[in-house]
């Protein structure tokens, strides 16, 4: 099944938005949990993991946005960019 060329890049952007939002929610929850669970978090392990998840989610969103926009502009002809 071939996707519509007009919405190919939009689906990539939506997928990356969902992945990034789930990663950001998990990262923020772990970050806040790392302050509550101070007895378990002696070496700031949860803080490091949560900041890594947040950073990876932001990178994934930026990369997905770039790939979605690149896909949309690649499928357009040179006359349609005007």
Protein backbone atom coordinates (compact mmCIF):
# COMPACT_ATOMS: atom_id res chain seq x y z
CA UNK A 1 0.00 0.00 0.00
CA UNK A 2 1.53 3.29 -1.12
CA UNK A 3 0.97 6.38 0.99
CA UNK A 4 -0.27 9.57 -0.55
CA UNK A 5 2.77 11.61 -1.57
CA UNK A 6 1.27 14.73 -0.12
CA UNK A 7 1.07 13.32 3.42
CA UNK A 8 4.23 11.21 3.49
CA UNK A 9 6.30 13.75 5.39
CA UNK A 10 3.43 14.62 7.71
CA UNK A 11 3.19 11.03 8.94
CA UNK A 12 6.90 11.02 9.75
CA UNK A 13 6.50 14.27 11.69
CA UNK A 14 3.48 12.94 13.62
CA UNK A 15 5.29 9.71 14.51
CA UNK A 16 8.29 11.60 15.84
CA UNK A 17 6.05 14.00 17.78
CA UNK A 18 4.43 11.04 19.54
CA UNK A 19 7.76 9.38 20.28
CA UNK A 20 9.24 12.62 21.59
CA UNK A 21 6.25 13.44 23.76
CA UNK A 22 6.24 9.99 25.37
CA UNK A 23 9.99 10.24 25.96
CA UNK A 24 9.65 13.71 27.46
CA UNK A 25 6.86 12.59 29.79
CA UNK A 26 8.88 9.57 30.97
CA UNK A 27 12.01 11.70 31.37
CA UNK A 28 10.24 14.42 33.38
CA UNK A 29 8.53 11.84 35.61
CA UNK A 30 11.87 10.14 36.31
CA UNK A 31 13.51 13.52 36.91
CA UNK A 32 10.88 14.48 39.48
CA UNK A 33 11.03 10.99 41.01
CA UNK A 34 14.79 11.35 41.42
CA UNK A 35 14.22 14.23 43.85
CA UNK A 36 11.60 12.31 45.85
CA UNK A 37 13.56 9.06 46.07
CA UNK A 38 16.71 10.60 47.51
CA UNK A 39 17.65 7.51 49.54
CA UNK A 40 17.74 5.40 46.37
CA UNK A 41 19.35 8.15 44.30
CA UNK A 42 22.67 8.52 46.14
CA UNK A 43 24.79 8.64 42.97
CA UNK A 44 22.24 10.71 41.01
CA UNK A 45 21.64 7.70 38.77
CA UNK A 46 17.96 8.49 38.11
CA UNK A 47 18.77 12.12 37.37
CA UNK A 48 21.38 11.16 34.77
CA UNK A 49 19.07 8.60 33.15
CA UNK A 50 16.13 11.03 33.06
CA UNK A 51 18.20 13.81 31.52
CA UNK A 52 19.48 11.33 28.93
CA UNK A 53 15.93 10.33 28.03
CA UNK A 54 14.88 13.97 27.73
CA UNK A 55 17.88 14.77 25.52
CA UNK A 56 17.29 11.73 23.31
CA UNK A 57 13.63 12.68 22.91
CA UNK A 58 14.53 16.21 21.85
CA UNK A 59 17.10 14.85 19.39
CA UNK A 60 14.58 12.36 17.99
CA UNK A 61 12.01 15.14 17.50
CA UNK A 62 14.52 17.35 15.70
CA UNK A 63 15.73 14.52 13.48
CA UNK A 64 12.18 13.41 12.66
CA UNK A 65 11.12 16.96 11.87
CA UNK A 66 14.12 17.34 9.57
CA UNK A 67 13.41 14.03 7.80
CA UNK A 68 9.70 14.84 7.42
CA UNK A 69 10.41 18.24 5.92
CA UNK A 70 13.08 16.76 3.68
CA UNK A 71 10.63 14.11 2.43
CA UNK A 72 7.98 16.74 1.70
CA UNK A 73 10.33 18.98 -0.25
CA UNK A 74 11.97 16.08 -2.10
CA UNK A 75 8.68 14.83 -3.58
CA UNK A 76 7.73 18.26 -4.89
CA UNK A 77 8.74 19.16 -8.38
CA UNK A 78 10.95 22.18 -9.06
CA UNK A 79 7.93 24.16 -10.35
CA UNK A 80 5.86 23.58 -7.20
CA UNK A 81 8.29 25.31 -4.82
CA UNK A 82 7.33 28.77 -6.05
